[in-house]
């Protein structure tokens, strides 16, 4: 049986989690003080995902760049593909919070959106 130890990021408590696995399947999760810890641990050891944040250049805006992020979490293994697609992306001003900057980034089905207004 394999044991993995994690720190939960599901809430501010930061519970130390212990995940017992057998043949790639989660057998048990312990150490969590809320249900979010159990859900986080199971997902993290079987299919880890992340939110990607970055910035892109704004042409003709009050700022040189705008902060962006994936609208939803994406498979962890796609992070470098996403960053490669974002490299060199330029958008014209104005940019508003929630504007789609790049659709279906790296074939994930997830959009890159602006997280700040740039006029």
PDB file of N, CA and C in Angstrom:
ATOM      1  N   UNK A   1       0.838  -1.171   0.000  1.00  0.00           N
ATOM      2  CA  UNK A   1       0.000   0.000   0.000  1.00  0.00           C
ATOM      3  C   UNK A   1       0.889   1.244   0.000  1.00  0.00           C
ATOM      4  N   UNK A   2       0.507   2.230  -0.805  1.00  0.00           N
ATOM      5  CA  UNK A   2       1.256   3.484  -0.917  1.00  0.00           C
ATOM      6  C   UNK A   2       0.594   4.555  -0.055  1.00  0.00           C
ATOM      7  N   UNK A   3       1.405   5.377   0.614  1.00  0.00           N
ATOM      8  CA  UNK A   3       0.895   6.481   1.432  1.00  0.00           C
ATOM      9  C   UNK A   3       1.439   7.784   0.882  1.00  0.00           C
ATOM     10  N   UNK A   4       0.545   8.754   0.683  1.00  0.00           N
ATOM     11  CA  UNK A   4       0.945  10.089   0.243  1.00  0.00           C
ATOM     12  C   UNK A   4       0.530  11.094   1.303  1.00  0.00           C
ATOM     13  N   UNK A   5       1.393  12.035   1.593  1.00  0.00           N
ATOM     14  CA  UNK A   5       1.080  13.084   2.560  1.00  0.00           C
ATOM     15  C   UNK A   5       0.973  14.417   1.841  1.00  0.00           C
ATOM     16  N   UNK A   6      -0.081  15.164   2.138  1.00  0.00           N
ATOM     17  CA  UNK A   6      -0.369  16.443   1.498  1.00  0.00           C
ATOM     18  C   UNK A   6      -0.762  17.468   2.545  1.00  0.00           C
ATOM     19  N   UNK A   7      -0.687  18.723   2.179  1.00  0.00           N
ATOM     20  CA  UNK A   7      -1.270  19.797   2.981  1.00  0.00           C
ATOM     21  C   UNK A   7      -2.477  20.286   2.194  1.00  0.00           C
ATOM     22  N   UNK A   8      -3.619  20.271   2.817  1.00  0.00           N
ATOM     23  CA  UNK A   8      -4.851  20.653   2.137  1.00  0.00           C
ATOM     24  C   UNK A   8      -4.877  22.155   1.844  1.00  0.00           C
ATOM     25  N   UNK A   9      -5.356  22.510   0.651  1.00  0.00           N
ATOM     26  CA  UNK A   9      -5.526  23.912   0.274  1.00  0.00           C
ATOM     27  C   UNK A   9      -7.001  24.233   0.043  1.00  0.00           C
ATOM     28  N   UNK A  10      -7.875  23.362   0.508  1.00  0.00           N
ATOM     29  CA  UNK A  10      -9.318  23.548   0.314  1.00  0.00           C
ATOM     30  C   UNK A  10      -9.910  24.673   1.144  1.00  0.00           C
ATOM     31  N   UNK A  11      -9.284  24.990   2.253  1.00  0.00           N
ATOM     32  CA  UNK A  11      -9.732  26.092   3.117  1.00  0.00           C
ATOM     33  C   UNK A  11      -8.509  26.622   3.874  1.00  0.00           C
ATOM     34  N   UNK A  12      -8.644  27.676   4.650  1.00  0.00           N
ATOM     35  CA  UNK A  12      -7.481  28.251   5.350  1.00  0.00           C
ATOM     36  C   UNK A  12      -6.869  27.389   6.460  1.00  0.00           C
ATOM     37  N   UNK A  13      -7.499  26.296   6.852  1.00  0.00           N
ATOM     38  CA  UNK A  13      -6.985  25.461   7.941  1.00  0.00           C
ATOM     39  C   UNK A  13      -5.650  24.797   7.608  1.00  0.00           C
ATOM     40  N   UNK A  14      -5.430  24.402   6.357  1.00  0.00           N
ATOM     41  CA  UNK A  14      -4.172  23.765   5.966  1.00  0.00           C
ATOM     42  C   UNK A  14      -3.928  22.439   6.655  1.00  0.00           C
ATOM     43  N   UNK A  15      -4.929  21.590   6.681  1.00  0.00           N
ATOM     44  CA  UNK A  15      -4.832  20.291   7.375  1.00  0.00           C
ATOM     45  C   UNK A  15      -3.784  19.380   6.740  1.00  0.00           C
ATOM     46  N   UNK A  16      -3.010  18.674   7.568  1.00  0.00           N
ATOM     47  CA  UNK A  16      -2.089  17.665   7.036  1.00  0.00           C
ATOM     48  C   UNK A  16      -2.888  16.403   6.695  1.00  0.00           C
ATOM     49  N   UNK A  17      -2.869  16.026   5.434  1.00  0.00           N
ATOM     50  CA  UNK A  17      -3.660  14.884   4.972  1.00  0.00           C
ATOM     51  C   UNK A  17      -2.767  13.679   4.719  1.00  0.00           C
ATOM     52  N   UNK A  18      -3.312  12.509   4.976  1.00  0.00           N
ATOM     53  CA  UNK A  18      -2.643  11.254   4.655  1.00  0.00           C
ATOM     54  C   UNK A  18      -3.587  10.470   3.746  1.00  0.00           C
ATOM     55  N   UNK A  19      -3.088  10.110   2.575  1.00  0.00           N
ATOM     56  CA  UNK A  19      -3.885   9.383   1.595  1.00  0.00           C
ATOM     57  C   UNK A  19      -3.288   7.993   1.425  1.00  0.00           C
ATOM     58  N   UNK A  20      -4.103   6.989   1.673  1.00  0.00           N
ATOM     59  CA  UNK A  20      -3.687   5.596   1.472  1.00  0.00           C
ATOM     60  C   UNK A  20      -4.199   5.159   0.104  1.00  0.00           C
ATOM     61  N   UNK A  21      -3.280   4.607  -0.719  1.00  0.00           N
ATOM     62  CA  UNK A  21      -3.638   4.172  -2.071  1.00  0.00           C
ATOM     63  C   UNK A  21      -3.216   2.730  -2.291  1.00  0.00           C
ATOM     64  N   UNK A  22      -4.012   2.053  -3.099  1.00  0.00           N
ATOM     65  CA  UNK A  22      -3.679   0.688  -3.494  1.00  0.00           C
ATOM     66  C   UNK A  22      -4.031   0.524  -4.964  1.00  0.00           C
ATOM     67  N   UNK A  23      -3.042   0.115  -5.769  1.00  0.00           N
ATOM     68  CA  UNK A  23      -3.225  -0.057  -7.209  1.00  0.00           C
ATOM     69  C   UNK A  23      -3.769   1.207  -7.871  1.00  0.00           C
ATOM     70  N   UNK A  24      -3.278   2.377  -7.458  1.00  0.00           N
ATOM     71  CA  UNK A  24      -3.691   3.634  -8.049  1.00  0.00           C
ATOM     72  C   UNK A  24      -5.052   4.148  -7.615  1.00  0.00           C
ATOM     73  N   UNK A  25      -5.697   3.449  -6.701  1.00  0.00           N
ATOM     74  CA  UNK A  25      -7.020   3.841  -6.201  1.00  0.00           C
ATOM     75  C   UNK A  25      -6.897   4.336  -4.768  1.00  0.00           C
ATOM     76  N   UNK A  26      -7.654   5.367  -4.434  1.00  0.00           N
ATOM     77  CA  UNK A  26      -7.666   5.889  -3.074  1.00  0.00           C
ATOM     78  C   UNK A  26      -8.468   4.954  -2.177  1.00  0.00           C
ATOM     79  N   UNK A  27      -7.832   4.478  -1.124  1.00  0.00           N
ATOM     80  CA  UNK A  27      -8.484   3.601  -0.159  1.00  0.00           C
ATOM     81  C   UNK A  27      -9.044   4.428   0.997  1.00  0.00           C
ATOM     82  N   UNK A  28      -8.253   5.408   1.464  1.00  0.00           N
ATOM     83  CA  UNK A  28      -8.725   6.242   2.566  1.00  0.00           C
ATOM     84  C   UNK A  28      -7.999   7.581   2.596  1.00  0.00           C
ATOM     85  N   UNK A  29      -8.676   8.561   3.194  1.00  0.00           N
ATOM     86  CA  UNK A  29      -8.105   9.890   3.420  1.00  0.00           C
ATOM     87  C   UNK A  29      -8.298  10.192   4.891  1.00  0.00           C
ATOM     88  N   UNK A  30      -7.237  10.632   5.560  1.00  0.00           N
ATOM     89  CA  UNK A  30      -7.361  11.005   6.972  1.00  0.00           C
ATOM     90  C   UNK A  30      -6.651  12.326   7.225  1.00  0.00           C
ATOM     91  N   UNK A  31      -7.002  12.967   8.331  1.00  0.00           N
ATOM     92  CA  UNK A  31      -6.387  14.234   8.718  1.00  0.00           C
ATOM     93  C   UNK A  31      -7.212  15.446   8.373  1.00  0.00           C
ATOM     94  N   UNK A  32      -8.224  15.271   7.520  1.00  0.00           N
ATOM     95  CA  UNK A  32      -9.044  16.413   7.123  1.00  0.00           C
ATOM     96  C   UNK A  32     -10.076  16.731   8.198  1.00  0.00           C
ATOM     97  N   UNK A  33     -10.338  18.039   8.379  1.00  0.00           N
ATOM     98  CA  UNK A  33     -11.353  18.452   9.352  1.00  0.00           C
ATOM     99  C   UNK A  33     -12.658  18.835   8.668  1.00  0.00           C
ATOM    100  N   UNK A  34     -12.660  18.860   7.329  1.00  0.00           N
ATOM    101  CA  UNK A  34     -13.909  19.135   6.601  1.00  0.00           C
ATOM    102  C   UNK A  34     -13.947  18.290   5.332  1.00  0.00           C
ATOM    103  N   UNK A  35     -15.097  18.243   4.703  1.00  0.00           N
ATOM    104  CA  UNK A  35     -15.290  17.427   3.505  1.00  0.00           C
ATOM    105  C   UNK A  35     -14.410  17.898   2.351  1.00  0.00           C
ATOM    106  N   UNK A  36     -14.122  19.192   2.304  1.00  0.00           N
ATOM    107  CA  UNK A  36     -13.287  19.710   1.218  1.00  0.00           C
ATOM    108  C   UNK A  36     -11.909  19.047   1.207  1.00  0.00           C
ATOM    109  N   UNK A  37     -11.393  18.702   2.369  1.00  0.00           N
ATOM    110  CA  UNK A  37     -10.095  18.038   2.450  1.00  0.00           C
ATOM    111  C   UNK A  37     -10.109  16.674   1.792  1.00  0.00           C
ATOM    112  N   UNK A  38     -11.175  15.929   2.019  1.00  0.00           N
ATOM    113  CA  UNK A  38     -11.315  14.604   1.403  1.00  0.00           C
ATOM    114  C   UNK A  38     -11.386  14.739  -0.115  1.00  0.00           C
ATOM    115  N   UNK A  39     -12.203  15.667  -0.587  1.00  0.00           N
ATOM    116  CA  UNK A  39     -12.367  15.884  -2.032  1.00  0.00           C
ATOM    117  C   UNK A  39     -11.042  16.319  -2.653  1.00  0.00           C
ATOM    118  N   UNK A  40     -10.357  17.286  -2.016  1.00  0.00           N
ATOM    119  CA  UNK A  40      -9.076  17.777  -2.522  1.00  0.00           C
ATOM    120  C   UNK A  40      -8.048  16.644  -2.609  1.00  0.00           C
ATOM    121  N   UNK A  41      -7.923  15.856  -1.551  1.00  0.00           N
ATOM    122  CA  UNK A  41      -6.917  14.786  -1.517  1.00  0.00           C
ATOM    123  C   UNK A  41      -7.153  13.763  -2.613  1.00  0.00           C
ATOM    124  N   UNK A  42      -8.387  13.340  -2.773  1.00  0.00           N
ATOM    125  CA  UNK A  42      -8.707  12.337  -3.805  1.00  0.00           C
ATOM    126  C   UNK A  42      -8.380  12.859  -5.203  1.00  0.00           C
ATOM    127  N   UNK A  43      -8.725  14.109  -5.457  1.00  0.00           N
ATOM    128  CA  UNK A  43      -8.465  14.703  -6.767  1.00  0.00           C
ATOM    129  C   UNK A  43      -6.968  14.907  -6.991  1.00  0.00           C
ATOM    130  N   UNK A  44      -6.259  15.381  -5.973  1.00  0.00           N
ATOM    131  CA  UNK A  44      -4.835  15.698  -6.106  1.00  0.00           C
ATOM    132  C   UNK A  44      -3.986  14.462  -6.404  1.00  0.00           C
ATOM    133  N   UNK A  45      -4.332  13.321  -5.840  1.00  0.00           N
ATOM    134  CA  UNK A  45      -3.514  12.126  -6.070  1.00  0.00           C
ATOM    135  C   UNK A  45      -3.927  11.348  -7.310  1.00  0.00           C
ATOM    136  N   UNK A  46      -5.117  11.597  -7.842  1.00  0.00           N
ATOM    137  CA  UNK A  46      -5.557  10.850  -9.017  1.00  0.00           C
ATOM    138  C   UNK A  46      -5.588  11.679 -10.291  1.00  0.00           C
ATOM    139  N   UNK A  47      -5.943  12.966 -10.188  1.00  0.00           N
ATOM    140  CA  UNK A  47      -6.042  13.838 -11.359  1.00  0.00           C
ATOM    141  C   UNK A  47      -5.795  15.286 -10.940  1.00  0.00           C
ATOM    142  N   UNK A  48      -4.542  15.659 -10.672  1.00  0.00           N
ATOM    143  CA  UNK A  48      -4.263  17.007 -10.167  1.00  0.00           C
ATOM    144  C   UNK A  48      -4.564  18.089 -11.206  1.00  0.00           C
ATOM    145  N   UNK A  49      -5.161  19.180 -10.732  1.00  0.00           N
ATOM    146  CA  UNK A  49      -5.477  20.310 -11.599  1.00  0.00           C
ATOM    147  C   UNK A  49      -4.987  21.597 -10.952  1.00  0.00           C
ATOM    148  N   UNK A  50      -4.880  22.626 -11.767  1.00  0.00           N
ATOM    149  CA  UNK A  50      -4.417  23.920 -11.285  1.00  0.00           C
ATOM    150  C   UNK A  50      -5.126  25.042 -12.041  1.00  0.00           C
ATOM    151  N   UNK A  51      -5.169  26.220 -11.406  1.00  0.00           N
ATOM    152  CA  UNK A  51      -5.546  27.459 -12.074  1.00  0.00           C
ATOM    153  C   UNK A  51      -4.227  28.098 -12.509  1.00  0.00           C
ATOM    154  N   UNK A  52      -4.135  28.525 -13.758  1.00  0.00           N
ATOM    155  CA  UNK A  52      -2.920  29.150 -14.265  1.00  0.00           C
ATOM    156  C   UNK A  52      -3.134  30.656 -14.314  1.00  0.00           C
ATOM    157  N   UNK A  53      -2.179  31.406 -13.797  1.00  0.00           N
ATOM    158  CA  UNK A  53      -2.229  32.866 -13.850  1.00  0.00           C
ATOM    159  C   UNK A  53      -1.000  33.381 -14.588  1.00  0.00           C
ATOM    160  N   UNK A  54      -1.184  34.484 -15.299  1.00  0.00           N
ATOM    161  CA  UNK A  54      -0.073  35.075 -16.036  1.00  0.00           C
ATOM    162  C   UNK A  54      -0.464  36.507 -16.395  1.00  0.00           C
ATOM    163  N   UNK A  55       0.190  37.053 -17.396  1.00  0.00           N
ATOM    164  CA  UNK A  55      -0.181  38.370 -17.908  1.00  0.00           C
ATOM    165  C   UNK A  55       0.091  38.387 -19.404  1.00  0.00           C
ATOM    166  N   UNK A  56      -0.620  39.269 -20.108  1.00  0.00           N
ATOM    167  CA  UNK A  56      -0.404  39.449 -21.540  1.00  0.00           C
ATOM    168  C   UNK A  56      -0.276  40.940 -21.830  1.00  0.00           C
ATOM    169  N   UNK A  57       0.378  41.250 -22.923  1.00  0.00           N
ATOM    170  CA  UNK A  57       0.619  42.635 -23.320  1.00  0.00           C
ATOM    171  C   UNK A  57      -0.676  43.283 -23.791  1.00  0.00           C
ATOM    172  N   UNK A  58      -0.867  44.545 -23.394  1.00  0.00           N
ATOM    173  CA  UNK A  58      -1.999  45.342 -23.860  1.00  0.00           C
ATOM    174  C   UNK A  58      -1.445  46.452 -24.745  1.00  0.00           C
ATOM    175  N   UNK A  59      -1.977  46.535 -25.974  1.00  0.00           N
ATOM    176  CA  UNK A  59      -1.542  47.584 -26.895  1.00  0.00           C
ATOM    177  C   UNK A  59      -2.464  48.788 -26.787  1.00  0.00           C
ATOM    178  N   UNK A  60      -1.871  49.957 -26.574  1.00  0.00           N
ATOM    179  CA  UNK A  60      -2.642  51.196 -26.526  1.00  0.00           C
ATOM    180  C   UNK A  60      -3.434  51.400 -25.251  1.00  0.00           C
ATOM    181  N   UNK A  61      -3.040  50.734 -24.187  1.00  0.00           N
ATOM    182  CA  UNK A  61      -3.772  50.842 -22.936  1.00  0.00           C
ATOM    183  C   UNK A  61      -3.078  51.718 -21.910  1.00  0.00           C
ATOM    184  N   UNK A  62      -3.767  51.967 -20.821  1.00  0.00           N
ATOM    185  CA  UNK A  62      -3.202  52.756 -19.725  1.00  0.00           C
ATOM    186  C   UNK A  62      -2.124  51.978 -18.974  1.00  0.00           C
ATOM    187  N   UNK A  63      -2.103  50.666 -19.125  1.00  0.00           N
ATOM    188  CA  UNK A  63      -1.071  49.788 -18.561  1.00  0.00           C
ATOM    189  C   UNK A  63      -0.468  48.963 -19.694  1.00  0.00           C
ATOM    190  N   UNK A  64       0.751  48.513 -19.513  1.00  0.00           N
ATOM    191  CA  UNK A  64       1.441  47.741 -20.550  1.00  0.00           C
ATOM    192  C   UNK A  64       0.970  46.293 -20.638  1.00  0.00           C
ATOM    193  N   UNK A  65       0.369  45.798 -19.541  1.00  0.00           N
ATOM    194  CA  UNK A  65      -0.053  44.397 -19.516  1.00  0.00           C
ATOM    195  C   UNK A  65      -1.310  44.252 -18.664  1.00  0.00           C
ATOM    196  N   UNK A  66      -1.994  43.138 -18.864  1.00  0.00           N
ATOM    197  CA  UNK A  66      -3.179  42.813 -18.062  1.00  0.00           C
ATOM    198  C   UNK A  66      -2.988  41.423 -17.465  1.00  0.00           C
ATOM    199  N   UNK A  67      -3.400  41.267 -16.209  1.00  0.00           N
ATOM    200  CA  UNK A  67      -3.330  39.951 -15.576  1.00  0.00           C
ATOM    201  C   UNK A  67      -4.445  39.069 -16.132  1.00  0.00           C
ATOM    202  N   UNK A  68      -4.128  37.789 -16.306  1.00  0.00           N
ATOM    203  CA  UNK A  68      -5.074  36.820 -16.855  1.00  0.00           C
ATOM    204  C   UNK A  68      -5.007  35.527 -16.055  1.00  0.00           C
ATOM    205  N   UNK A  69      -6.050  34.693 -16.202  1.00  0.00           N
ATOM    206  CA  UNK A  69      -6.058  33.379 -15.555  1.00  0.00           C
ATOM    207  C   UNK A  69      -6.950  32.443 -16.334  1.00  0.00           C
ATOM    208  N   UNK A  70      -6.786  31.154 -16.065  1.00  0.00           N
ATOM    209  CA  UNK A  70      -7.713  30.193 -16.657  1.00  0.00           C
ATOM    210  C   UNK A  70      -9.055  30.349 -15.952  1.00  0.00           C
ATOM    211  N   UNK A  71     -10.126  30.264 -16.710  1.00  0.00           N
ATOM    212  CA  UNK A  71     -11.461  30.447 -16.139  1.00  0.00           C
ATOM    213  C   UNK A  71     -11.795  29.317 -15.167  1.00  0.00           C
ATOM    214  N   UNK A  72     -11.238  28.145 -15.405  1.00  0.00           N
ATOM    215  CA  UNK A  72     -11.444  26.966 -14.550  1.00  0.00           C
ATOM    216  C   UNK A  72     -10.096  26.280 -14.368  1.00  0.00           C
ATOM    217  N   UNK A  73     -10.061  25.296 -13.484  1.00  0.00           N
ATOM    218  CA  UNK A  73      -8.811  24.562 -13.316  1.00  0.00           C
ATOM    219  C   UNK A  73      -8.581  23.667 -14.533  1.00  0.00           C
ATOM    220  N   UNK A  74      -7.313  23.423 -14.804  1.00  0.00           N
ATOM    221  CA  UNK A  74      -6.900  22.633 -15.963  1.00  0.00           C
ATOM    222  C   UNK A  74      -6.005  21.491 -15.476  1.00  0.00           C
ATOM    223  N   UNK A  75      -5.843  20.436 -16.286  1.00  0.00           N
ATOM    224  CA  UNK A  75      -4.932  19.365 -15.880  1.00  0.00           C
ATOM    225  C   UNK A  75      -3.518  19.914 -15.660  1.00  0.00           C
ATOM    226  N   UNK A  76      -2.908  19.518 -14.574  1.00  0.00           N
ATOM    227  CA  UNK A  76      -1.580  20.018 -14.202  1.00  0.00           C
ATOM    228  C   UNK A  76      -0.559  19.836 -15.327  1.00  0.00           C
ATOM    229  N   UNK A  77      -0.666  18.761 -16.070  1.00  0.00           N
ATOM    230  CA  UNK A  77       0.268  18.469 -17.160  1.00  0.00           C
ATOM    231  C   UNK A  77       0.171  19.429 -18.336  1.00  0.00           C
ATOM    232  N   UNK A  78      -0.850  20.273 -18.381  1.00  0.00           N
ATOM    233  CA  UNK A  78      -1.036  21.219 -19.485  1.00  0.00           C
ATOM    234  C   UNK A  78      -0.464  22.611 -19.201  1.00  0.00           C
ATOM    235  N   UNK A  79       0.081  22.822 -18.004  1.00  0.00           N
ATOM    236  CA  UNK A  79       0.557  24.156 -17.626  1.00  0.00           C
ATOM    237  C   UNK A  79       1.574  24.706 -18.623  1.00  0.00           C
ATOM    238  N   UNK A  80       2.584  23.949 -18.994  1.00  0.00           N
ATOM    239  CA  UNK A  80       3.615  24.454 -19.897  1.00  0.00           C
ATOM    240  C   UNK A  80       3.058  24.703 -21.295  1.00  0.00           C
ATOM    241  N   UNK A  81       2.113  23.887 -21.755  1.00  0.00           N
ATOM    242  CA  UNK A  81       1.473  24.114 -23.059  1.00  0.00           C
ATOM    243  C   UNK A  81       0.701  25.432 -23.048  1.00  0.00           C
ATOM    244  N   UNK A  82       0.015  25.698 -21.953  1.00  0.00           N
ATOM    245  CA  UNK A  82      -0.746  26.940 -21.828  1.00  0.00           C
ATOM    246  C   UNK A  82       0.193  28.140 -21.821  1.00  0.00           C
ATOM    247  N   UNK A  83       1.258  28.062 -21.050  1.00  0.00           N
ATOM    248  CA  UNK A  83       2.203  29.177 -20.991  1.00  0.00           C
ATOM    249  C   UNK A  83       2.839  29.426 -22.364  1.00  0.00           C
ATOM    250  N   UNK A  84       3.091  28.364 -23.110  1.00  0.00           N
ATOM    251  CA  UNK A  84       3.654  28.502 -24.446  1.00  0.00           C
ATOM    252  C   UNK A  84       2.679  29.253 -25.363  1.00  0.00           C
ATOM    253  N   UNK A  85       1.375  28.936 -25.250  1.00  0.00           N
ATOM    254  CA  UNK A  85       0.366  29.620 -26.067  1.00  0.00           C
ATOM    255  C   UNK A  85       0.207  31.083 -25.668  1.00  0.00           C
ATOM    256  N   UNK A  86       0.383  31.388 -24.390  1.00  0.00           N
ATOM    257  CA  UNK A  86       0.229  32.768 -23.922  1.00  0.00           C
ATOM    258  C   UNK A  86       1.411  33.654 -24.321  1.00  0.00           C
ATOM    259  N   UNK A  87       2.564  33.047 -24.559  1.00  0.00           N
ATOM    260  CA  UNK A  87       3.755  33.813 -24.903  1.00  0.00           C
ATOM    261  C   UNK A  87       3.506  34.580 -26.203  1.00  0.00           C
ATOM    262  N   UNK A  88       3.696  35.871 -26.137  1.00  0.00           N
ATOM    263  CA  UNK A  88       3.539  36.691 -27.340  1.00  0.00           C
ATOM    264  C   UNK A  88       2.124  37.160 -27.619  1.00  0.00           C
ATOM    265  N   UNK A  89       1.146  36.768 -26.797  1.00  0.00           N
ATOM    266  CA  UNK A  89      -0.236  37.229 -26.995  1.00  0.00           C
ATOM    267  C   UNK A  89      -0.310  38.716 -26.677  1.00  0.00           C
ATOM    268  N   UNK A  90      -0.926  39.470 -27.593  1.00  0.00           N
ATOM    269  CA  UNK A  90      -1.137  40.905 -27.397  1.00  0.00           C
ATOM    270  C   UNK A  90      -2.612  41.192 -27.640  1.00  0.00           C
ATOM    271  N   UNK A  91      -3.193  42.029 -26.787  1.00  0.00           N
ATOM    272  CA  UNK A  91      -4.600  42.388 -26.946  1.00  0.00           C
ATOM    273  C   UNK A  91      -4.724  43.905 -27.007  1.00  0.00           C
ATOM    274  N   UNK A  92      -5.698  44.396 -27.799  1.00  0.00           N
ATOM    275  CA  UNK A  92      -5.901  45.847 -27.866  1.00  0.00           C
ATOM    276  C   UNK A  92      -6.714  46.335 -26.671  1.00  0.00           C
ATOM    277  N   UNK A  93      -6.409  47.549 -26.218  1.00  0.00           N
ATOM    278  CA  UNK A  93      -7.205  48.179 -25.159  1.00  0.00           C
ATOM    279  C   UNK A  93      -8.534  48.624 -25.785  1.00  0.00           C
ATOM    280  N   UNK A  94      -9.600  48.719 -25.052  1.00  0.00           N
ATOM    281  CA  UNK A  94      -9.725  48.428 -23.622  1.00  0.00           C
ATOM    282  C   UNK A  94      -9.945  46.945 -23.360  1.00  0.00           C
ATOM    283  N   UNK A  95      -9.548  46.522 -22.174  1.00  0.00           N
ATOM    284  CA  UNK A  95      -9.757  45.153 -21.707  1.00  0.00           C
ATOM    285  C   UNK A  95     -10.552  45.243 -20.408  1.00  0.00           C
ATOM    286  N   UNK A  96     -11.552  44.390 -20.269  1.00  0.00           N
ATOM    287  CA  UNK A  96     -12.393  44.402 -19.074  1.00  0.00           C
ATOM    288  C   UNK A  96     -12.315  43.070 -18.344  1.00  0.00           C
ATOM    289  N   UNK A  97     -12.492  43.121 -17.037  1.00  0.00           N
ATOM    290  CA  UNK A  97     -12.498  41.897 -16.231  1.00  0.00           C
ATOM    291  C   UNK A  97     -13.479  40.903 -16.836  1.00  0.00           C
ATOM    292  N   UNK A  98     -13.026  39.681 -17.033  1.00  0.00           N
ATOM    293  CA  UNK A  98     -13.876  38.628 -17.575  1.00  0.00           C
ATOM    294  C   UNK A  98     -13.812  38.482 -19.083  1.00  0.00           C
ATOM    295  N   UNK A  99     -13.185  39.442 -19.783  1.00  0.00           N
ATOM    296  CA  UNK A  99     -13.032  39.311 -21.237  1.00  0.00           C
ATOM    297  C   UNK A  99     -12.241  38.048 -21.556  1.00  0.00           C
ATOM    298  N   UNK A 100     -12.683  37.319 -22.581  1.00  0.00           N
ATOM    299  CA  UNK A 100     -11.942  36.133 -23.017  1.00  0.00           C
ATOM    300  C   UNK A 100     -10.754  36.602 -23.848  1.00  0.00           C
ATOM    301  N   UNK A 101      -9.583  36.263 -23.399  1.00  0.00           N
ATOM    302  CA  UNK A 101      -8.339  36.647 -24.064  1.00  0.00           C
ATOM    303  C   UNK A 101      -7.916  35.565 -25.056  1.00  0.00           C
ATOM    304  N   UNK A 102      -8.128  34.312 -24.680  1.00  0.00           N
ATOM    305  CA  UNK A 102      -7.765  33.166 -25.515  1.00  0.00           C
ATOM    306  C   UNK A 102      -8.761  32.051 -25.234  1.00  0.00           C
ATOM    307  N   UNK A 103      -9.434  31.565 -26.275  1.00  0.00           N
ATOM    308  CA  UNK A 103     -10.425  30.497 -26.101  1.00  0.00           C
ATOM    309  C   UNK A 103      -9.776  29.121 -26.201  1.00  0.00           C
ATOM    310  N   UNK A 104     -10.326  28.168 -25.471  1.00  0.00           N
ATOM    311  CA  UNK A 104      -9.904  26.766 -25.556  1.00  0.00           C
ATOM    312  C   UNK A 104      -8.383  26.626 -25.535  1.00  0.00           C
ATOM    313  N   UNK A 105      -7.757  27.216 -24.555  1.00  0.00           N
ATOM    314  CA  UNK A 105      -6.302  27.231 -24.480  1.00  0.00           C
ATOM    315  C   UNK A 105      -5.737  25.812 -24.408  1.00  0.00           C
ATOM    316  N   UNK A 106      -4.767  25.540 -25.240  1.00  0.00           N
ATOM    317  CA  UNK A 106      -4.063  24.250 -25.299  1.00  0.00           C
ATOM    318  C   UNK A 106      -5.013  23.066 -25.432  1.00  0.00           C
ATOM    319  N   UNK A 107      -6.155  23.301 -26.056  1.00  0.00           N
ATOM    320  CA  UNK A 107      -7.119  22.226 -26.280  1.00  0.00           C
ATOM    321  C   UNK A 107      -7.787  21.714 -25.020  1.00  0.00           C
ATOM    322  N   UNK A 108      -7.783  22.518 -23.963  1.00  0.00           N
ATOM    323  CA  UNK A 108      -8.361  22.093 -22.684  1.00  0.00           C
ATOM    324  C   UNK A 108      -9.864  22.331 -22.596  1.00  0.00           C
ATOM    325  N   UNK A 109     -10.400  23.173 -23.494  1.00  0.00           N
ATOM    326  CA  UNK A 109     -11.803  23.553 -23.398  1.00  0.00           C
ATOM    327  C   UNK A 109     -12.007  24.699 -22.418  1.00  0.00           C
ATOM    328  N   UNK A 110     -10.924  25.223 -21.880  1.00  0.00           N
ATOM    329  CA  UNK A 110     -10.972  26.299 -20.877  1.00  0.00           C
ATOM    330  C   UNK A 110     -10.435  27.583 -21.504  1.00  0.00           C
ATOM    331  N   UNK A 111     -11.106  28.695 -21.195  1.00  0.00           N
ATOM    332  CA  UNK A 111     -10.682  29.991 -21.710  1.00  0.00           C
ATOM    333  C   UNK A 111      -9.721  30.694 -20.758  1.00  0.00           C
ATOM    334  N   UNK A 112      -8.893  31.559 -21.327  1.00  0.00           N
ATOM    335  CA  UNK A 112      -8.071  32.479 -20.545  1.00  0.00           C
ATOM    336  C   UNK A 112      -8.861  33.793 -20.474  1.00  0.00           C
ATOM    337  N   UNK A 113      -9.060  34.316 -19.260  1.00  0.00           N
ATOM    338  CA  UNK A 113      -9.836  35.544 -19.080  1.00  0.00           C
ATOM    339  C   UNK A 113      -9.006  36.621 -18.387  1.00  0.00           C
ATOM    340  N   UNK A 114      -9.390  37.879 -18.642  1.00  0.00           N
ATOM    341  CA  UNK A 114      -8.741  39.008 -17.985  1.00  0.00           C
ATOM    342  C   UNK A 114      -9.223  39.112 -16.546  1.00  0.00           C
ATOM    343  N   UNK A 115      -8.327  39.499 -15.656  1.00  0.00           N
ATOM    344  CA  UNK A 115      -8.689  39.647 -14.251  1.00  0.00           C
ATOM    345  C   UNK A 115      -8.597  41.097 -13.781  1.00  0.00           C
ATOM    346  N   UNK A 116      -8.433  42.008 -14.748  1.00  0.00           N
ATOM    347  CA  UNK A 116      -8.289  43.424 -14.410  1.00  0.00           C
ATOM    348  C   UNK A 116      -8.793  44.261 -15.586  1.00  0.00           C
ATOM    349  N   UNK A 117      -9.254  45.462 -15.296  1.00  0.00           N
ATOM    350  CA  UNK A 117      -9.640  46.404 -16.337  1.00  0.00           C
ATOM    351  C   UNK A 117      -8.414  47.200 -16.758  1.00  0.00           C
ATOM    352  N   UNK A 118      -8.213  47.323 -18.064  1.00  0.00           N
ATOM    353  CA  UNK A 118      -7.165  48.186 -18.602  1.00  0.00           C
ATOM    354  C   UNK A 118      -7.803  49.024 -19.693  1.00  0.00           C
ATOM    355  N   UNK A 119      -7.838  50.327 -19.460  1.00  0.00           N
ATOM    356  CA  UNK A 119      -8.483  51.248 -20.415  1.00  0.00           C
ATOM    357  C   UNK A 119      -7.477  51.886 -21.341  1.00  0.00           C
TER     358      UNK A 119
END
